[in-house]
Amino acid sequence: MLSEITLARQEDFETVMNLYRAAVGEEGCTWDEDYPDEDDIRGDIGRGALYCARNQGGEIIAAFAIDSDEEVDRLSCWTPDLVPAGEIARLVVGRRWQNQGIARQMLAYAMEELKRRGYRGIHFLVSKTNERALRSYSKFAFEKVGETSLYGHDWYCYEKALYEKDLYENMR
């Protein structure tokens, strides 16, 4: 099971890259041999934005990044009151560790980290064909605020306030 979530270190690069590569071709996965690439991972590590989940034996079993993508941020569907909003990207759980609630644990951790970093909201894109991710995210009552086509794929746009005050204001 999941033991800890920590910032990735340079020495984690190869393991995370292998996790991403192993996910290519899985049902609902939009990644290919060109994305995510080495520059994405090295950039995430360098910015202090890549997190790894480790099992009790210290093995990296999952990863995600806190990202900033100008094209995604410019989408008109996002709620202005939730700015600044952080984007969760490149969430992966190793095949052996899937269907054990790890993605949900990673997402809960990501939301707490975004709060610590001063973000008011969280937003992200989910492939319309990624049923596993859609099930995981539904547990957190994210609001589907739109749909878009970017990077050659169709996406649902999800967001959520990270503070109760923001949740209340968005309901008015």
N, C-alpha and C. Protein backbone atom coordinates (compact mmCIF):
# COMPACT_ATOMS: atom_id res chain seq x y z
N MET A 1 0.83 -1.19 0.00
CA MET A 1 0.00 0.00 0.00
C MET A 1 0.87 1.25 0.00
N LEU A 2 0.24 2.38 -0.13
CA LEU A 2 0.93 3.67 -0.18
C LEU A 2 1.51 4.01 1.18
N SER A 3 2.78 4.40 1.20
CA SER A 3 3.45 4.73 2.44
C SER A 3 3.66 6.23 2.59
N GLU A 4 4.15 6.88 1.51
CA GLU A 4 4.41 8.32 1.59
C GLU A 4 4.36 8.94 0.21
N ILE A 5 4.13 10.24 0.21
CA ILE A 5 4.19 11.04 -1.02
C ILE A 5 5.21 12.13 -0.76
N THR A 6 6.19 12.23 -1.65
CA THR A 6 7.27 13.21 -1.49
C THR A 6 7.57 13.87 -2.82
N LEU A 7 8.27 15.01 -2.74
CA LEU A 7 8.78 15.63 -3.96
C LEU A 7 9.76 14.68 -4.63
N ALA A 8 9.70 14.62 -5.95
CA ALA A 8 10.64 13.79 -6.69
C ALA A 8 12.03 14.40 -6.65
N ARG A 9 13.01 13.54 -6.70
CA ARG A 9 14.42 13.95 -6.75
C ARG A 9 14.98 13.55 -8.11
N GLN A 10 16.10 14.11 -8.46
CA GLN A 10 16.73 13.77 -9.75
C GLN A 10 16.90 12.27 -9.92
N GLU A 11 17.25 11.58 -8.84
CA GLU A 11 17.47 10.13 -8.95
C GLU A 11 16.17 9.35 -9.18
N ASP A 12 15.01 10.01 -9.08
CA ASP A 12 13.73 9.37 -9.36
C ASP A 12 13.34 9.45 -10.83
N PHE A 13 14.10 10.21 -11.60
CA PHE A 13 13.74 10.49 -12.99
C PHE A 13 13.43 9.23 -13.79
N GLU A 14 14.34 8.29 -13.81
CA GLU A 14 14.18 7.10 -14.65
C GLU A 14 12.96 6.28 -14.24
N THR A 15 12.75 6.13 -12.95
CA THR A 15 11.60 5.36 -12.48
C THR A 15 10.29 6.02 -12.88
N VAL A 16 10.21 7.34 -12.73
CA VAL A 16 8.99 8.05 -13.13
C VAL A 16 8.80 7.95 -14.64
N MET A 17 9.87 8.11 -15.39
CA MET A 17 9.78 8.00 -16.85
C MET A 17 9.23 6.62 -17.22
N ASN A 18 9.70 5.59 -16.55
CA ASN A 18 9.22 4.23 -16.83
C ASN A 18 7.74 4.07 -16.48
N LEU A 19 7.29 4.70 -15.40
CA LEU A 19 5.86 4.66 -15.05
C LEU A 19 5.03 5.30 -16.17
N TYR A 20 5.48 6.45 -16.65
CA TYR A 20 4.76 7.13 -17.72
C TYR A 20 4.75 6.28 -19.00
N ARG A 21 5.88 5.72 -19.36
CA ARG A 21 5.96 4.91 -20.58
C ARG A 21 5.07 3.68 -20.48
N ALA A 22 5.00 3.07 -19.29
CA ALA A 22 4.18 1.87 -19.12
C ALA A 22 2.69 2.17 -19.26
N ALA A 23 2.29 3.40 -19.02
CA ALA A 23 0.87 3.77 -19.12
C ALA A 23 0.43 4.00 -20.56
N VAL A 24 1.36 4.25 -21.47
CA VAL A 24 1.03 4.49 -22.88
C VAL A 24 0.29 3.26 -23.42
N GLY A 25 -0.84 3.51 -24.04
CA GLY A 25 -1.63 2.43 -24.62
C GLY A 25 -2.70 1.87 -23.70
N GLU A 26 -2.67 2.25 -22.41
CA GLU A 26 -3.73 1.79 -21.51
C GLU A 26 -5.04 2.46 -21.90
N GLU A 27 -6.13 1.80 -21.59
CA GLU A 27 -7.45 2.32 -21.92
C GLU A 27 -7.64 3.72 -21.36
N GLY A 28 -8.02 4.66 -22.23
CA GLY A 28 -8.28 6.03 -21.83
C GLY A 28 -7.06 6.93 -21.75
N CYS A 29 -5.87 6.36 -21.86
CA CYS A 29 -4.64 7.15 -21.76
C CYS A 29 -4.37 7.86 -23.09
N THR A 30 -4.14 9.16 -23.02
CA THR A 30 -3.88 9.95 -24.22
C THR A 30 -2.39 10.12 -24.49
N TRP A 31 -1.56 9.58 -23.63
CA TRP A 31 -0.12 9.73 -23.80
C TRP A 31 0.40 8.87 -24.93
N ASP A 32 1.56 9.27 -25.47
CA ASP A 32 2.21 8.51 -26.51
C ASP A 32 3.72 8.56 -26.30
N GLU A 33 4.48 8.10 -27.26
CA GLU A 33 5.95 8.06 -27.11
C GLU A 33 6.57 9.45 -27.01
N ASP A 34 5.82 10.49 -27.37
CA ASP A 34 6.34 11.86 -27.31
C ASP A 34 5.88 12.64 -26.07
N TYR A 35 4.89 12.13 -25.36
CA TYR A 35 4.39 12.84 -24.18
C TYR A 35 3.91 11.85 -23.14
N PRO A 36 4.26 12.06 -21.89
CA PRO A 36 5.22 13.06 -21.40
C PRO A 36 6.64 12.65 -21.78
N ASP A 37 7.47 13.67 -21.97
CA ASP A 37 8.84 13.39 -22.39
C ASP A 37 9.83 13.76 -21.29
N GLU A 38 11.09 13.53 -21.57
CA GLU A 38 12.15 13.80 -20.58
C GLU A 38 12.14 15.25 -20.13
N ASP A 39 11.90 16.18 -21.05
CA ASP A 39 11.89 17.59 -20.67
C ASP A 39 10.76 17.90 -19.69
N ASP A 40 9.59 17.27 -19.89
CA ASP A 40 8.48 17.47 -18.96
C ASP A 40 8.89 17.03 -17.55
N ILE A 41 9.44 15.85 -17.46
CA ILE A 41 9.79 15.30 -16.14
C ILE A 41 10.93 16.09 -15.50
N ARG A 42 11.96 16.37 -16.28
CA ARG A 42 13.09 17.15 -15.71
C ARG A 42 12.62 18.55 -15.29
N GLY A 43 11.75 19.16 -16.09
CA GLY A 43 11.20 20.47 -15.74
C GLY A 43 10.38 20.41 -14.47
N ASP A 44 9.54 19.37 -14.35
CA ASP A 44 8.73 19.21 -13.14
C ASP A 44 9.62 19.04 -11.91
N ILE A 45 10.65 18.22 -12.01
CA ILE A 45 11.56 18.02 -10.88
C ILE A 45 12.27 19.32 -10.54
N GLY A 46 12.74 20.02 -11.56
CA GLY A 46 13.48 21.26 -11.35
C GLY A 46 12.63 22.36 -10.71
N ARG A 47 11.32 22.38 -11.00
CA ARG A 47 10.41 23.38 -10.45
C ARG A 47 9.85 22.97 -9.09
N GLY A 48 10.24 21.80 -8.61
CA GLY A 48 9.66 21.32 -7.36
C GLY A 48 8.19 21.03 -7.50
N ALA A 49 7.80 20.44 -8.64
CA ALA A 49 6.39 20.24 -8.95
C ALA A 49 6.01 18.79 -9.22
N LEU A 50 6.98 17.87 -9.13
CA LEU A 50 6.70 16.46 -9.38
C LEU A 50 6.71 15.72 -8.05
N TYR A 51 5.66 14.97 -7.81
CA TYR A 51 5.52 14.22 -6.56
C TYR A 51 5.46 12.74 -6.86
N CYS A 52 6.06 11.95 -5.99
CA CYS A 52 6.08 10.50 -6.13
C CYS A 52 5.44 9.86 -4.91
N ALA A 53 4.66 8.83 -5.16
CA ALA A 53 4.11 8.01 -4.08
C ALA A 53 4.96 6.76 -4.00
N ARG A 54 5.30 6.40 -2.79
CA ARG A 54 6.12 5.22 -2.55
C ARG A 54 5.35 4.21 -1.70
N ASN A 55 5.62 2.94 -1.96
CA ASN A 55 5.02 1.92 -1.12
C ASN A 55 5.89 1.74 0.13
N GLN A 56 5.53 0.81 0.97
CA GLN A 56 6.26 0.61 2.22
C GLN A 56 7.70 0.16 2.00
N GLY A 57 7.98 -0.41 0.85
CA GLY A 57 9.34 -0.82 0.52
C GLY A 57 10.16 0.30 -0.12
N GLY A 58 9.55 1.49 -0.28
CA GLY A 58 10.26 2.63 -0.86
C GLY A 58 10.19 2.71 -2.37
N GLU A 59 9.49 1.76 -3.01
CA GLU A 59 9.36 1.73 -4.46
C GLU A 59 8.38 2.81 -4.92
N ILE A 60 8.74 3.55 -5.96
CA ILE A 60 7.83 4.56 -6.53
C ILE A 60 6.75 3.82 -7.30
N ILE A 61 5.48 4.08 -6.89
CA ILE A 61 4.35 3.37 -7.50
C ILE A 61 3.39 4.31 -8.22
N ALA A 62 3.57 5.62 -8.03
CA ALA A 62 2.67 6.59 -8.67
C ALA A 62 3.35 7.96 -8.68
N ALA A 63 2.85 8.85 -9.54
CA ALA A 63 3.41 10.20 -9.62
C ALA A 63 2.36 11.16 -10.16
N PHE A 64 2.55 12.43 -9.86
CA PHE A 64 1.74 13.49 -10.46
C PHE A 64 2.55 14.77 -10.45
N ALA A 65 2.13 15.73 -11.26
CA ALA A 65 2.79 17.03 -11.31
C ALA A 65 1.78 18.13 -11.07
N ILE A 66 2.24 19.19 -10.44
CA ILE A 66 1.49 20.43 -10.37
C ILE A 66 2.01 21.25 -11.54
N ASP A 67 1.12 21.58 -12.45
CA ASP A 67 1.54 22.16 -13.71
C ASP A 67 0.90 23.52 -13.93
N SER A 68 1.46 24.23 -14.86
CA SER A 68 0.89 25.48 -15.33
C SER A 68 0.99 25.47 -16.84
N ASP A 69 -0.14 25.34 -17.49
CA ASP A 69 -0.21 25.28 -18.95
C ASP A 69 -1.04 26.47 -19.41
N GLU A 70 -0.39 27.43 -20.05
CA GLU A 70 -1.09 28.66 -20.46
C GLU A 70 -2.31 28.37 -21.32
N GLU A 71 -2.21 27.38 -22.19
CA GLU A 71 -3.34 27.05 -23.07
C GLU A 71 -4.53 26.56 -22.24
N VAL A 72 -4.25 25.73 -21.25
CA VAL A 72 -5.32 25.23 -20.38
C VAL A 72 -5.85 26.37 -19.52
N ASP A 73 -4.97 27.17 -18.96
CA ASP A 73 -5.39 28.28 -18.10
C ASP A 73 -6.26 29.30 -18.84
N ARG A 74 -6.08 29.44 -20.15
CA ARG A 74 -6.86 30.41 -20.93
C ARG A 74 -8.26 29.93 -21.29
N LEU A 75 -8.59 28.69 -21.01
CA LEU A 75 -9.93 28.20 -21.34
C LEU A 75 -10.98 29.05 -20.62
N SER A 76 -12.05 29.36 -21.29
CA SER A 76 -13.06 30.25 -20.74
C SER A 76 -13.98 29.58 -19.71
N CYS A 77 -13.87 28.29 -19.53
CA CYS A 77 -14.78 27.58 -18.64
C CYS A 77 -14.44 27.75 -17.15
N TRP A 78 -13.21 28.14 -16.84
CA TRP A 78 -12.79 28.19 -15.43
C TRP A 78 -13.48 29.33 -14.69
N THR A 79 -13.81 29.11 -13.44
CA THR A 79 -14.47 30.11 -12.59
C THR A 79 -13.46 31.17 -12.16
N PRO A 80 -13.69 32.43 -12.51
CA PRO A 80 -12.73 33.49 -12.17
C PRO A 80 -12.46 33.62 -10.67
N ASP A 81 -13.45 33.33 -9.83
CA ASP A 81 -13.27 33.44 -8.37
C ASP A 81 -12.26 32.42 -7.83
N LEU A 82 -11.93 31.41 -8.62
CA LEU A 82 -11.01 30.37 -8.14
C LEU A 82 -9.58 30.60 -8.62
N VAL A 83 -9.29 31.79 -9.08
CA VAL A 83 -7.94 32.13 -9.52
C VAL A 83 -7.19 32.72 -8.33
N PRO A 84 -5.96 32.33 -8.09
CA PRO A 84 -5.21 31.39 -8.91
C PRO A 84 -5.62 29.95 -8.65
N ALA A 85 -5.61 29.18 -9.72
CA ALA A 85 -5.92 27.76 -9.64
C ALA A 85 -4.71 26.96 -10.09
N GLY A 86 -4.46 25.87 -9.42
CA GLY A 86 -3.38 24.98 -9.80
C GLY A 86 -3.92 23.86 -10.65
N GLU A 87 -3.10 23.39 -11.54
CA GLU A 87 -3.50 22.29 -12.41
C GLU A 87 -2.74 21.04 -12.02
N ILE A 88 -3.47 19.96 -11.90
CA ILE A 88 -2.86 18.66 -11.66
C ILE A 88 -2.69 18.00 -13.02
N ALA A 89 -1.49 17.51 -13.27
CA ALA A 89 -1.20 16.91 -14.58
C ALA A 89 -0.36 15.65 -14.41
N ARG A 90 -0.39 14.84 -15.43
CA ARG A 90 0.46 13.66 -15.52
C ARG A 90 0.36 12.74 -14.30
N LEU A 91 -0.87 12.54 -13.84
CA LEU A 91 -1.10 11.60 -12.74
C LEU A 91 -1.04 10.18 -13.28
N VAL A 92 -0.19 9.37 -12.69
CA VAL A 92 -0.04 7.98 -13.13
C VAL A 92 0.08 7.08 -11.90
N VAL A 93 -0.52 5.92 -12.00
CA VAL A 93 -0.37 4.89 -10.99
C VAL A 93 0.11 3.65 -11.72
N GLY A 94 1.17 3.05 -11.22
CA GLY A 94 1.70 1.84 -11.84
C GLY A 94 0.64 0.76 -11.95
N ARG A 95 0.70 0.00 -13.01
CA ARG A 95 -0.34 -1.00 -13.32
C ARG A 95 -0.61 -1.93 -12.13
N ARG A 96 0.44 -2.41 -11.47
CA ARG A 96 0.28 -3.32 -10.33
C ARG A 96 -0.46 -2.70 -9.17
N TRP A 97 -0.48 -1.38 -9.12
CA TRP A 97 -1.02 -0.67 -7.96
C TRP A 97 -2.36 -0.01 -8.23
N GLN A 98 -2.90 -0.23 -9.41
CA GLN A 98 -4.17 0.40 -9.76
C GLN A 98 -5.34 -0.26 -9.04
N ASN A 99 -6.45 0.47 -8.96
CA ASN A 99 -7.69 0.00 -8.34
C ASN A 99 -7.53 -0.27 -6.84
N GLN A 100 -6.63 0.49 -6.20
CA GLN A 100 -6.43 0.37 -4.76
C GLN A 100 -6.62 1.72 -4.06
N GLY A 101 -7.19 2.71 -4.77
CA GLY A 101 -7.44 4.01 -4.17
C GLY A 101 -6.23 4.94 -4.15
N ILE A 102 -5.17 4.56 -4.80
CA ILE A 102 -3.94 5.37 -4.78
C ILE A 102 -4.13 6.68 -5.53
N ALA A 103 -4.81 6.65 -6.66
CA ALA A 103 -5.04 7.89 -7.41
C ALA A 103 -5.82 8.89 -6.55
N ARG A 104 -6.80 8.40 -5.81
CA ARG A 104 -7.57 9.29 -4.93
C ARG A 104 -6.69 9.86 -3.81
N GLN A 105 -5.81 9.04 -3.27
CA GLN A 105 -4.89 9.52 -2.24
C GLN A 105 -3.95 10.59 -2.80
N MET A 106 -3.50 10.37 -4.01
CA MET A 106 -2.61 11.33 -4.67
C MET A 106 -3.36 12.64 -4.90
N LEU A 107 -4.59 12.54 -5.33
CA LEU A 107 -5.37 13.74 -5.60
C LEU A 107 -5.65 14.52 -4.31
N ALA A 108 -5.97 13.82 -3.24
CA ALA A 108 -6.20 14.48 -1.95
C ALA A 108 -4.92 15.19 -1.50
N TYR A 109 -3.79 14.55 -1.67
CA TYR A 109 -2.51 15.16 -1.31
C TYR A 109 -2.27 16.40 -2.18
N ALA A 110 -2.54 16.27 -3.47
CA ALA A 110 -2.32 17.39 -4.40
C ALA A 110 -3.16 18.60 -4.00
N MET A 111 -4.41 18.36 -3.59
CA MET A 111 -5.26 19.48 -3.19
C MET A 111 -4.70 20.16 -1.94
N GLU A 112 -4.23 19.39 -0.99
CA GLU A 112 -3.62 19.98 0.21
C GLU A 112 -2.36 20.75 -0.14
N GLU A 113 -1.58 20.22 -1.05
CA GLU A 113 -0.35 20.92 -1.46
C GLU A 113 -0.68 22.23 -2.17
N LEU A 114 -1.70 22.22 -3.00
CA LEU A 114 -2.10 23.45 -3.68
C LEU A 114 -2.56 24.50 -2.67
N LYS A 115 -3.28 24.07 -1.65
CA LYS A 115 -3.67 25.00 -0.58
C LYS A 115 -2.44 25.60 0.07
N ARG A 116 -1.46 24.75 0.41
CA ARG A 116 -0.23 25.23 1.05
C ARG A 116 0.49 26.25 0.16
N ARG A 117 0.35 26.07 -1.14
CA ARG A 117 1.02 26.97 -2.08
C ARG A 117 0.20 28.23 -2.36
N GLY A 118 -0.97 28.35 -1.76
CA GLY A 118 -1.76 29.57 -1.87
C GLY A 118 -2.77 29.60 -3.01
N TYR A 119 -3.04 28.47 -3.62
CA TYR A 119 -4.03 28.42 -4.69
C TYR A 119 -5.44 28.40 -4.11
N ARG A 120 -6.38 29.03 -4.80
CA ARG A 120 -7.78 29.04 -4.37
C ARG A 120 -8.56 27.87 -4.95
N GLY A 121 -8.12 27.37 -6.10
CA GLY A 121 -8.84 26.30 -6.76
C GLY A 121 -7.91 25.33 -7.43
N ILE A 122 -8.49 24.25 -7.89
CA ILE A 122 -7.78 23.24 -8.65
C ILE A 122 -8.56 23.02 -9.94
N HIS A 123 -7.85 22.85 -11.04
CA HIS A 123 -8.52 22.48 -12.27
C HIS A 123 -7.64 21.52 -13.06
N PHE A 124 -8.28 20.78 -13.92
CA PHE A 124 -7.55 19.82 -14.75
C PHE A 124 -8.44 19.33 -15.88
N LEU A 125 -7.80 18.73 -16.85
CA LEU A 125 -8.49 18.11 -17.98
C LEU A 125 -8.45 16.61 -17.80
N VAL A 126 -9.53 15.94 -18.19
CA VAL A 126 -9.59 14.49 -18.17
C VAL A 126 -10.09 14.03 -19.53
N SER A 127 -9.37 13.10 -20.11
CA SER A 127 -9.81 12.55 -21.38
C SER A 127 -11.21 11.97 -21.24
N LYS A 128 -12.05 12.25 -22.21
CA LYS A 128 -13.42 11.75 -22.17
C LYS A 128 -13.48 10.22 -22.18
N THR A 129 -12.41 9.58 -22.59
CA THR A 129 -12.38 8.12 -22.66
C THR A 129 -11.70 7.47 -21.46
N ASN A 130 -11.23 8.27 -20.50
CA ASN A 130 -10.50 7.72 -19.36
C ASN A 130 -11.46 7.42 -18.21
N GLU A 131 -12.15 6.29 -18.33
CA GLU A 131 -13.18 5.90 -17.35
C GLU A 131 -12.60 5.74 -15.95
N ARG A 132 -11.42 5.18 -15.83
CA ARG A 132 -10.82 4.97 -14.51
C ARG A 132 -10.58 6.30 -13.81
N ALA A 133 -10.05 7.28 -14.52
CA ALA A 133 -9.81 8.60 -13.92
C ALA A 133 -11.13 9.27 -13.58
N LEU A 134 -12.09 9.15 -14.44
CA LEU A 134 -13.39 9.78 -14.18
C LEU A 134 -14.02 9.20 -12.91
N ARG A 135 -13.87 7.90 -12.69
CA ARG A 135 -14.40 7.28 -11.46
C ARG A 135 -13.65 7.81 -10.23
N SER A 136 -12.33 7.89 -10.33
CA SER A 136 -11.54 8.38 -9.19
C SER A 136 -11.92 9.81 -8.83
N TYR A 137 -12.03 10.66 -9.83
CA TYR A 137 -12.29 12.07 -9.58
C TYR A 137 -13.71 12.31 -9.07
N SER A 138 -14.65 11.43 -9.41
CA SER A 138 -16.03 11.62 -8.98
C SER A 138 -16.15 11.56 -7.46
N LYS A 139 -15.25 10.87 -6.80
CA LYS A 139 -15.30 10.75 -5.33
C LYS A 139 -15.08 12.10 -4.65
N PHE A 140 -14.50 13.06 -5.36
CA PHE A 140 -14.18 14.36 -4.77
C PHE A 140 -15.18 15.45 -5.15
N ALA A 141 -16.23 15.10 -5.85
CA ALA A 141 -17.27 16.05 -6.24
C ALA A 141 -16.71 17.25 -7.01
N PHE A 142 -15.80 16.99 -7.92
CA PHE A 142 -15.34 18.05 -8.81
C PHE A 142 -16.49 18.45 -9.71
N GLU A 143 -16.49 19.68 -10.11
CA GLU A 143 -17.54 20.16 -11.00
C GLU A 143 -17.03 20.13 -12.44
N LYS A 144 -17.80 19.49 -13.31
CA LYS A 144 -17.47 19.53 -14.73
C LYS A 144 -17.96 20.87 -15.25
N VAL A 145 -17.03 21.72 -15.69
CA VAL A 145 -17.38 23.09 -16.08
C VAL A 145 -17.28 23.32 -17.59
N GLY A 146 -16.88 22.32 -18.32
CA GLY A 146 -16.79 22.50 -19.76
C GLY A 146 -16.16 21.30 -20.45
N GLU A 147 -16.01 21.46 -21.74
CA GLU A 147 -15.36 20.48 -22.59
C GLU A 147 -14.48 21.23 -23.56
N THR A 148 -13.41 20.59 -23.99
CA THR A 148 -12.52 21.23 -24.94
C THR A 148 -11.81 20.18 -25.78
N SER A 149 -11.24 20.63 -26.85
CA SER A 149 -10.36 19.80 -27.68
C SER A 149 -9.01 20.50 -27.71
N LEU A 150 -8.02 19.83 -27.19
CA LEU A 150 -6.64 20.34 -27.18
C LEU A 150 -5.70 19.17 -27.43
N TYR A 151 -4.58 19.46 -28.04
CA TYR A 151 -3.53 18.45 -28.22
C TYR A 151 -4.03 17.20 -28.94
N GLY A 152 -5.03 17.37 -29.80
CA GLY A 152 -5.54 16.25 -30.58
C GLY A 152 -6.48 15.33 -29.84
N HIS A 153 -6.99 15.77 -28.66
CA HIS A 153 -7.89 14.93 -27.87
C HIS A 153 -9.07 15.75 -27.36
N ASP A 154 -10.13 15.04 -26.99
CA ASP A 154 -11.31 15.67 -26.39
C ASP A 154 -11.25 15.47 -24.88
N TRP A 155 -11.54 16.56 -24.15
CA TRP A 155 -11.39 16.57 -22.69
C TRP A 155 -12.62 17.10 -22.01
N TYR A 156 -12.83 16.64 -20.78
CA TYR A 156 -13.73 17.29 -19.85
C TYR A 156 -12.88 18.21 -19.00
N CYS A 157 -13.43 19.35 -18.63
CA CYS A 157 -12.73 20.32 -17.78
C CYS A 157 -13.36 20.27 -16.39
N TYR A 158 -12.57 19.97 -15.39
CA TYR A 158 -13.04 19.86 -14.01
C TYR A 158 -12.35 20.89 -13.14
N GLU A 159 -13.08 21.36 -12.13
CA GLU A 159 -12.49 22.28 -11.16
C GLU A 159 -13.16 22.11 -9.81
N LYS A 160 -12.50 22.69 -8.81
CA LYS A 160 -13.05 22.65 -7.45
C LYS A 160 -12.38 23.74 -6.64
N ALA A 161 -13.17 24.38 -5.79
CA ALA A 161 -12.61 25.34 -4.83
C ALA A 161 -11.85 24.57 -3.77
N LEU A 162 -10.76 25.15 -3.29
CA LEU A 162 -9.97 24.50 -2.26
C LEU A 162 -10.31 24.98 -0.86
N TYR A 163 -11.16 26.01 -0.76
CA TYR A 163 -11.54 26.56 0.54
C TYR A 163 -13.05 26.60 0.65
N GLU A 164 -13.56 26.33 1.82
CA GLU A 164 -15.01 26.32 2.05
C GLU A 164 -15.65 27.65 1.66
N LYS A 165 -15.00 28.77 1.99
CA LYS A 165 -15.54 30.09 1.64
C LYS A 165 -15.78 30.16 0.12
N ASP A 166 -14.82 29.70 -0.65
CA ASP A 166 -14.96 29.71 -2.11
C ASP A 166 -16.09 28.79 -2.55
N LEU A 167 -16.23 27.65 -1.88
CA LEU A 167 -17.31 26.74 -2.23
C LEU A 167 -18.66 27.42 -2.01
N TYR A 168 -18.81 28.11 -0.89
CA TYR A 168 -20.05 28.79 -0.57
C TYR A 168 -20.34 29.89 -1.59
N GLU A 169 -19.33 30.70 -1.90
CA GLU A 169 -19.54 31.80 -2.84
C GLU A 169 -19.92 31.30 -4.22
N ASN A 170 -19.39 30.15 -4.63
CA ASN A 170 -19.70 29.61 -5.96
C ASN A 170 -21.11 29.06 -6.06
N MET A 171 -21.74 28.80 -4.91
CA MET A 171 -23.10 28.26 -4.93
C MET A 171 -24.13 29.37 -5.05
N ARG A 172 -23.74 30.63 -4.83
CA ARG A 172 -24.71 31.73 -4.89
C ARG A 172 -25.03 32.10 -6.30
